[in-house]
Structure formats: structure tokens, C-alpha cells
Amino acid sequence: MEKTVEELEVERIEEERVEEAKFEKRVTSETDKRMTSAMQKRDTEYKEKLAEADRKSKLTADETQKERDKEHEEWETEKATYKLNQNKHELFKKEKYDSRLEKFAFGNNIDEINANAKELMEIVKEVATADVNERMKTNSYTPPKGGNASGEKNPWAKETFNLTEQGKMLKNNPTLATSYMNKK
């Protein structure tokens, strides 16, 4: 027996309700898992802080002072490191060194860093020069015949005279145009 439109609509609505209930159950389950995890993490952190506070409360005055001295020493070390890095950054800026190389210049004080940075820059220049020289040997460039080194033709020269090109060149590159006019 065939179902009526109303019966089909009722079934469709019921299926949607079932799907919504399944979706809501999954969302609730996932939310519960995340909430439980977050609560456990917070509880663990709280217990750790409580244990640390309890440990500190049982320390003697001498032990407390030693801990404070240790924390102060760590803070001073961090402060000195920060200041040294700041001075290194200023040095690289002043000497116009590439700031990407800062992380490769080490030292315990600014004088050591400066010496190491200079040595690093010399090495970089040597390597770059060697690379350029090697490329110059293997990739020698031969300029094209009948033009200048860039391959452009002189629109003022007798054999390549062109008014349109002259206008374009005067508009786009007046310095080159002037040099071509003088060469004819």
C-alpha cells in the first residue's frame, strides 16, 4: 500500500529528529570530554601550585633565602642575556650587517660578538666572491651583435632609426635616450 504525502512528511520529520538527537548527543559527548580534560588539567595545575606552596611553607629561613637568591640569579642572567642580544642587534644595525646573521654571532660580551660578527661577515664576503667568480668563469656572457649590451637597438642610429621607439624611450628612460642621441 502506498503512503500518502502526509505520512511521508511525518516519516521525514521523524528521521530529522533522530539525526538531530544523534548530532546533539555527539556534540554533548565531545563537549563533556573537553570540559573534563580542561578541568583535570586545571586541577593538576592547582595541586602542583598547592604542593609548591606547601613545600615553601616548610622551608627554613635559610632555605627560603637560598631559593630567592637562586631566582634572583636566574632573573639577572635572563636580564643580561636580553641586554646582550639588544646590544648585538644595535651592533648589526650600526655596522649595517644583515640582521638575519645575528643568530650566528656568538660571544659572552659585546666585544666577542663584535669580533665574531666581523669574522662572519668576512667569511660571507669571501664565499660570495668565490661564488661570483666561479659563475663568471662558467657563465660568461656574450652581448648580442648589432646593439648595446642589453640587446636594445639605438632608435637614433641611421640603420635602426625609429621615431616611435624614440618617443617611448624618451618617455620611459630619458637618461638612456640622451646617451643614444649622443651616440648616433
C-alpha atoms as a PDB file:
ATOM      1  CA  MET A   1       0.000   0.000   0.000  1.00  0.00           C
ATOM      2  CA  GLU A   2       1.281   3.401  -0.925  1.00  0.00           C
ATOM      3  CA  LYS A   3       1.913   6.028   1.667  1.00  0.00           C
ATOM      4  CA  THR A   4       0.261   9.390   1.497  1.00  0.00           C
ATOM      5  CA  VAL A   5       2.144  12.632   1.294  1.00  0.00           C
ATOM      6  CA  GLU A   6       1.332  13.369   4.924  1.00  0.00           C
ATOM      7  CA  GLU A   7       2.719  10.020   6.052  1.00  0.00           C
ATOM      8  CA  LEU A   8       5.920  10.548   4.041  1.00  0.00           C
ATOM      9  CA  GLU A   9       6.311  14.019   5.537  1.00  0.00           C
ATOM     10  CA  VAL A  10       5.822  12.663   9.056  1.00  0.00           C
ATOM     11  CA  GLU A  11       8.488   9.995   8.431  1.00  0.00           C
ATOM     12  CA  ARG A  12      10.911  12.600   7.059  1.00  0.00           C
ATOM     13  CA  ILE A  13      10.377  14.844  10.091  1.00  0.00           C
ATOM     14  CA  GLU A  14      10.871  11.882  12.435  1.00  0.00           C
ATOM     15  CA  GLU A  15      14.150  10.947  10.652  1.00  0.00           C
ATOM     16  CA  GLU A  16      15.353  14.537  11.008  1.00  0.00           C
ATOM     17  CA  ARG A  17      14.561  14.452  14.734  1.00  0.00           C
ATOM     18  CA  VAL A  18      16.503  11.215  15.127  1.00  0.00           C
ATOM     19  CA  GLU A  19      19.502  12.693  13.247  1.00  0.00           C
ATOM     20  CA  GLU A  20      19.348  15.883  15.334  1.00  0.00           C
ATOM     21  CA  ALA A  21      19.257  13.803  18.523  1.00  0.00           C
ATOM     22  CA  LYS A  22      22.317  11.814  17.360  1.00  0.00           C
ATOM     23  CA  PHE A  23      24.153  15.021  16.478  1.00  0.00           C
ATOM     24  CA  GLU A  24      23.265  16.629  19.795  1.00  0.00           C
ATOM     25  CA  LYS A  25      24.459  13.526  21.631  1.00  0.00           C
ATOM     26  CA  ARG A  26      27.834  13.642  19.780  1.00  0.00           C
ATOM     27  CA  VAL A  27      28.244  17.357  20.495  1.00  0.00           C
ATOM     28  CA  THR A  28      27.386  16.855  24.153  1.00  0.00           C
ATOM     29  CA  SER A  29      29.786  13.929  24.405  1.00  0.00           C
ATOM     30  CA  GLU A  30      32.627  15.884  22.806  1.00  0.00           C
ATOM     31  CA  THR A  31      31.902  18.912  24.999  1.00  0.00           C
ATOM     32  CA  ASP A  32      31.916  16.727  28.089  1.00  0.00           C
ATOM     33  CA  LYS A  33      35.266  15.201  27.098  1.00  0.00           C
ATOM     34  CA  ARG A  34      36.836  18.602  26.555  1.00  0.00           C
ATOM     35  CA  MET A  35      35.403  20.043  29.753  1.00  0.00           C
ATOM     36  CA  THR A  36      36.614  17.032  31.732  1.00  0.00           C
ATOM     37  CA  SER A  37      40.069  17.316  30.206  1.00  0.00           C
ATOM     38  CA  ALA A  38      40.247  21.045  30.929  1.00  0.00           C
ATOM     39  CA  MET A  39      39.052  20.530  34.496  1.00  0.00           C
ATOM     40  CA  GLN A  40      41.598  17.774  35.068  1.00  0.00           C
ATOM     41  CA  LYS A  41      44.369  19.983  33.706  1.00  0.00           C
ATOM     42  CA  ARG A  42      43.294  22.880  35.912  1.00  0.00           C
ATOM     43  CA  ASP A  43      43.008  20.556  38.903  1.00  0.00           C
ATOM     44  CA  THR A  44      46.516  19.197  38.275  1.00  0.00           C
ATOM     45  CA  GLU A  45      47.948  22.725  37.990  1.00  0.00           C
ATOM     46  CA  TYR A  46      46.173  23.740  41.182  1.00  0.00           C
ATOM     47  CA  LYS A  47      47.526  20.697  43.022  1.00  0.00           C
ATOM     48  CA  GLU A  48      51.048  21.443  41.786  1.00  0.00           C
ATOM     49  CA  LYS A  49      50.809  25.051  42.982  1.00  0.00           C
ATOM     50  CA  LEU A  50      49.398  23.892  46.294  1.00  0.00           C
ATOM     51  CA  ALA A  51      52.213  21.349  46.717  1.00  0.00           C
ATOM     52  CA  GLU A  52      54.806  24.022  45.841  1.00  0.00           C
ATOM     53  CA  ALA A  53      53.264  26.457  48.345  1.00  0.00           C
ATOM     54  CA  ASP A  54      53.226  23.703  50.977  1.00  0.00           C
ATOM     55  CA  ARG A  55      56.869  22.871  50.248  1.00  0.00           C
ATOM     56  CA  LYS A  56      57.857  26.531  50.509  1.00  0.00           C
ATOM     57  CA  SER A  57      55.974  26.944  53.773  1.00  0.00           C
ATOM     58  CA  LYS A  58      58.069  24.170  55.314  1.00  0.00           C
ATOM     59  CA  LEU A  59      61.394  25.720  54.301  1.00  0.00           C
ATOM     60  CA  THR A  60      63.625  27.289  56.864  1.00  0.00           C
ATOM     61  CA  ALA A  61      64.558  30.956  56.621  1.00  0.00           C
ATOM     62  CA  ASP A  62      67.986  29.994  55.262  1.00  0.00           C
ATOM     63  CA  GLU A  63      66.480  27.700  52.589  1.00  0.00           C
ATOM     64  CA  THR A  64      63.978  30.397  51.630  1.00  0.00           C
ATOM     65  CA  GLN A  65      66.771  32.902  51.213  1.00  0.00           C
ATOM     66  CA  LYS A  66      68.742  30.430  49.053  1.00  0.00           C
ATOM     67  CA  GLU A  67      65.712  29.979  46.783  1.00  0.00           C
ATOM     68  CA  ARG A  68      65.229  33.720  46.496  1.00  0.00           C
ATOM     69  CA  ASP A  69      68.909  34.142  45.685  1.00  0.00           C
ATOM     70  CA  LYS A  70      68.659  31.440  43.023  1.00  0.00           C
ATOM     71  CA  GLU A  71      65.573  33.068  41.468  1.00  0.00           C
ATOM     72  CA  HIS A  72      67.302  36.449  41.562  1.00  0.00           C
ATOM     73  CA  GLU A  73      70.380  34.969  39.902  1.00  0.00           C
ATOM     74  CA  GLU A  74      68.240  33.418  37.144  1.00  0.00           C
ATOM     75  CA  TRP A  75      66.479  36.729  36.625  1.00  0.00           C
ATOM     76  CA  GLU A  76      69.809  38.579  36.422  1.00  0.00           C
ATOM     77  CA  THR A  77      71.089  36.046  33.885  1.00  0.00           C
ATOM     78  CA  GLU A  78      67.979  36.481  31.740  1.00  0.00           C
ATOM     79  CA  LYS A  79      68.304  40.256  32.004  1.00  0.00           C
ATOM     80  CA  ALA A  80      71.981  40.143  30.977  1.00  0.00           C
ATOM     81  CA  THR A  81      71.204  37.845  28.054  1.00  0.00           C
ATOM     82  CA  TYR A  82      68.428  40.144  26.893  1.00  0.00           C
ATOM     83  CA  LYS A  83      70.695  43.193  27.158  1.00  0.00           C
ATOM     84  CA  LEU A  84      73.494  41.404  25.282  1.00  0.00           C
ATOM     85  CA  ASN A  85      71.096  40.426  22.486  1.00  0.00           C
ATOM     86  CA  GLN A  86      69.848  44.001  22.339  1.00  0.00           C
ATOM     87  CA  ASN A  87      73.432  45.275  22.047  1.00  0.00           C
ATOM     88  CA  LYS A  88      74.140  42.678  19.349  1.00  0.00           C
ATOM     89  CA  HIS A  89      71.108  43.891  17.405  1.00  0.00           C
ATOM     90  CA  GLU A  90      72.266  47.514  17.705  1.00  0.00           C
ATOM     91  CA  LEU A  91      75.785  46.496  16.607  1.00  0.00           C
ATOM     92  CA  PHE A  92      74.437  44.775  13.489  1.00  0.00           C
ATOM     93  CA  LYS A  93      72.285  47.791  12.738  1.00  0.00           C
ATOM     94  CA  LYS A  94      75.186  50.247  13.232  1.00  0.00           C
ATOM     95  CA  GLU A  95      77.616  48.185  11.134  1.00  0.00           C
ATOM     96  CA  LYS A  96      74.871  47.615   8.504  1.00  0.00           C
ATOM     97  CA  TYR A  97      75.222  43.848   8.716  1.00  0.00           C
ATOM     98  CA  ASP A  98      72.347  41.688   7.546  1.00  0.00           C
ATOM     99  CA  SER A  99      70.183  41.108  10.628  1.00  0.00           C
ATOM    100  CA  ARG A 100      69.464  37.517   9.536  1.00  0.00           C
ATOM    101  CA  LEU A 101      73.052  36.688  10.507  1.00  0.00           C
ATOM    102  CA  GLU A 102      72.627  37.877  14.124  1.00  0.00           C
ATOM    103  CA  LYS A 103      71.825  34.390  15.344  1.00  0.00           C
ATOM    104  CA  PHE A 104      75.205  33.151  14.099  1.00  0.00           C
ATOM    105  CA  ALA A 105      77.335  35.675  16.010  1.00  0.00           C
ATOM    106  CA  PHE A 106      78.070  34.355  19.494  1.00  0.00           C
ATOM    107  CA  GLY A 107      80.009  35.661  22.462  1.00  0.00           C
ATOM    108  CA  ASN A 108      79.916  36.272  26.189  1.00  0.00           C
ATOM    109  CA  ASN A 109      80.195  40.033  25.788  1.00  0.00           C
ATOM    110  CA  ILE A 110      79.724  42.637  23.081  1.00  0.00           C
ATOM    111  CA  ASP A 111      83.436  42.733  22.203  1.00  0.00           C
ATOM    112  CA  GLU A 112      83.485  38.974  21.490  1.00  0.00           C
ATOM    113  CA  ILE A 113      80.275  39.270  19.494  1.00  0.00           C
ATOM    114  CA  ASN A 114      81.709  42.178  17.515  1.00  0.00           C
ATOM    115  CA  ALA A 115      84.885  40.232  16.681  1.00  0.00           C
ATOM    116  CA  ASN A 116      82.884  37.132  15.723  1.00  0.00           C
ATOM    117  CA  ALA A 117      80.470  39.208  13.637  1.00  0.00           C
ATOM    118  CA  LYS A 118      83.347  40.802  11.711  1.00  0.00           C
ATOM    119  CA  GLU A 119      84.868  37.385  11.082  1.00  0.00           C
ATOM    120  CA  LEU A 120      81.459  36.053  10.000  1.00  0.00           C
ATOM    121  CA  MET A 121      80.997  38.931   7.555  1.00  0.00           C
ATOM    122  CA  GLU A 122      84.461  38.395   6.088  1.00  0.00           C
ATOM    123  CA  ILE A 123      83.674  34.716   5.554  1.00  0.00           C
ATOM    124  CA  VAL A 124      80.332  35.572   3.932  1.00  0.00           C
ATOM    125  CA  LYS A 125      82.058  38.056   1.598  1.00  0.00           C
ATOM    126  CA  GLU A 126      84.744  35.516   0.685  1.00  0.00           C
ATOM    127  CA  VAL A 127      82.162  32.846  -0.073  1.00  0.00           C
ATOM    128  CA  ALA A 128      80.040  35.265  -2.108  1.00  0.00           C
ATOM    129  CA  THR A 129      83.070  36.499  -4.041  1.00  0.00           C
ATOM    130  CA  ALA A 130      84.213  32.957  -4.764  1.00  0.00           C
ATOM    131  CA  ASP A 131      80.707  32.055  -5.929  1.00  0.00           C
ATOM    132  CA  VAL A 132      80.524  35.097  -8.216  1.00  0.00           C
ATOM    133  CA  ASN A 133      83.972  34.397  -9.632  1.00  0.00           C
ATOM    134  CA  GLU A 134      83.034  30.778 -10.299  1.00  0.00           C
ATOM    135  CA  ARG A 135      79.865  31.838 -12.065  1.00  0.00           C
ATOM    136  CA  MET A 136      81.763  34.379 -14.121  1.00  0.00           C
ATOM    137  CA  LYS A 137      84.089  31.605 -15.326  1.00  0.00           C
ATOM    138  CA  THR A 138      81.330  29.162 -16.260  1.00  0.00           C
ATOM    139  CA  ASN A 139      78.555  31.507 -17.379  1.00  0.00           C
ATOM    140  CA  SER A 140      80.409  34.062 -19.421  1.00  0.00           C
ATOM    141  CA  TYR A 141      78.050  36.475 -21.124  1.00  0.00           C
ATOM    142  CA  THR A 142      78.491  37.478 -24.730  1.00  0.00           C
ATOM    143  CA  PRO A 143      76.463  40.511 -25.746  1.00  0.00           C
ATOM    144  CA  PRO A 144      74.370  40.237 -28.907  1.00  0.00           C
ATOM    145  CA  LYS A 145      75.729  41.713 -32.130  1.00  0.00           C
ATOM    146  CA  GLY A 146      74.307  44.880 -33.576  1.00  0.00           C
ATOM    147  CA  GLY A 147      73.196  46.538 -30.370  1.00  0.00           C
ATOM    148  CA  ASN A 148      74.279  47.564 -26.937  1.00  0.00           C
ATOM    149  CA  ALA A 149      74.983  45.231 -24.002  1.00  0.00           C
ATOM    150  CA  SER A 150      71.307  44.989 -23.077  1.00  0.00           C
ATOM    151  CA  GLY A 151      70.326  43.994 -26.608  1.00  0.00           C
ATOM    152  CA  GLU A 152      68.393  47.223 -27.305  1.00  0.00           C
ATOM    153  CA  LYS A 153      68.850  48.975 -30.620  1.00  0.00           C
ATOM    154  CA  ASN A 154      69.548  52.679 -30.838  1.00  0.00           C
ATOM    155  CA  PRO A 155      66.459  54.280 -32.448  1.00  0.00           C
ATOM    156  CA  TRP A 156      68.591  57.360 -33.312  1.00  0.00           C
ATOM    157  CA  ALA A 157      71.217  55.365 -35.245  1.00  0.00           C
ATOM    158  CA  LYS A 158      70.988  55.550 -39.027  1.00  0.00           C
ATOM    159  CA  GLU A 159      70.488  51.779 -39.548  1.00  0.00           C
ATOM    160  CA  THR A 160      67.822  51.427 -36.776  1.00  0.00           C
ATOM    161  CA  PHE A 161      66.101  54.846 -36.919  1.00  0.00           C
ATOM    162  CA  ASN A 162      62.557  54.669 -35.448  1.00  0.00           C
ATOM    163  CA  LEU A 163      60.506  57.659 -34.265  1.00  0.00           C
ATOM    164  CA  THR A 164      58.022  55.532 -32.295  1.00  0.00           C
ATOM    165  CA  GLU A 165      60.815  53.868 -30.334  1.00  0.00           C
ATOM    166  CA  GLN A 166      62.455  57.264 -29.776  1.00  0.00           C
ATOM    167  CA  GLY A 167      59.233  58.591 -28.212  1.00  0.00           C
ATOM    168  CA  LYS A 168      58.835  55.531 -25.992  1.00  0.00           C
ATOM    169  CA  MET A 169      62.438  55.747 -24.831  1.00  0.00           C
ATOM    170  CA  LEU A 170      62.223  59.482 -24.134  1.00  0.00           C
ATOM    171  CA  LYS A 171      59.142  58.831 -22.003  1.00  0.00           C
ATOM    172  CA  ASN A 172      60.328  55.673 -20.176  1.00  0.00           C
ATOM    173  CA  ASN A 173      64.097  56.149 -19.886  1.00  0.00           C
ATOM    174  CA  PRO A 174      65.255  59.691 -20.684  1.00  0.00           C
ATOM    175  CA  THR A 175      68.814  59.019 -19.472  1.00  0.00           C
ATOM    176  CA  LEU A 176      69.284  56.153 -21.941  1.00  0.00           C
ATOM    177  CA  ALA A 177      67.614  58.182 -24.666  1.00  0.00           C
ATOM    178  CA  THR A 178      70.066  61.039 -24.102  1.00  0.00           C
ATOM    179  CA  SER A 179      73.017  58.672 -24.297  1.00  0.00           C
ATOM    180  CA  TYR A 180      71.676  57.165 -27.558  1.00  0.00           C
ATOM    181  CA  MET A 181      71.103  60.618 -29.050  1.00  0.00           C
ATOM    182  CA  ASN A 182      74.714  61.490 -28.374  1.00  0.00           C
ATOM    183  CA  LYS A 183      75.994  58.245 -29.975  1.00  0.00           C
ATOM    184  CA  LYS A 184      74.031  58.324 -33.268  1.00  0.00           C
END
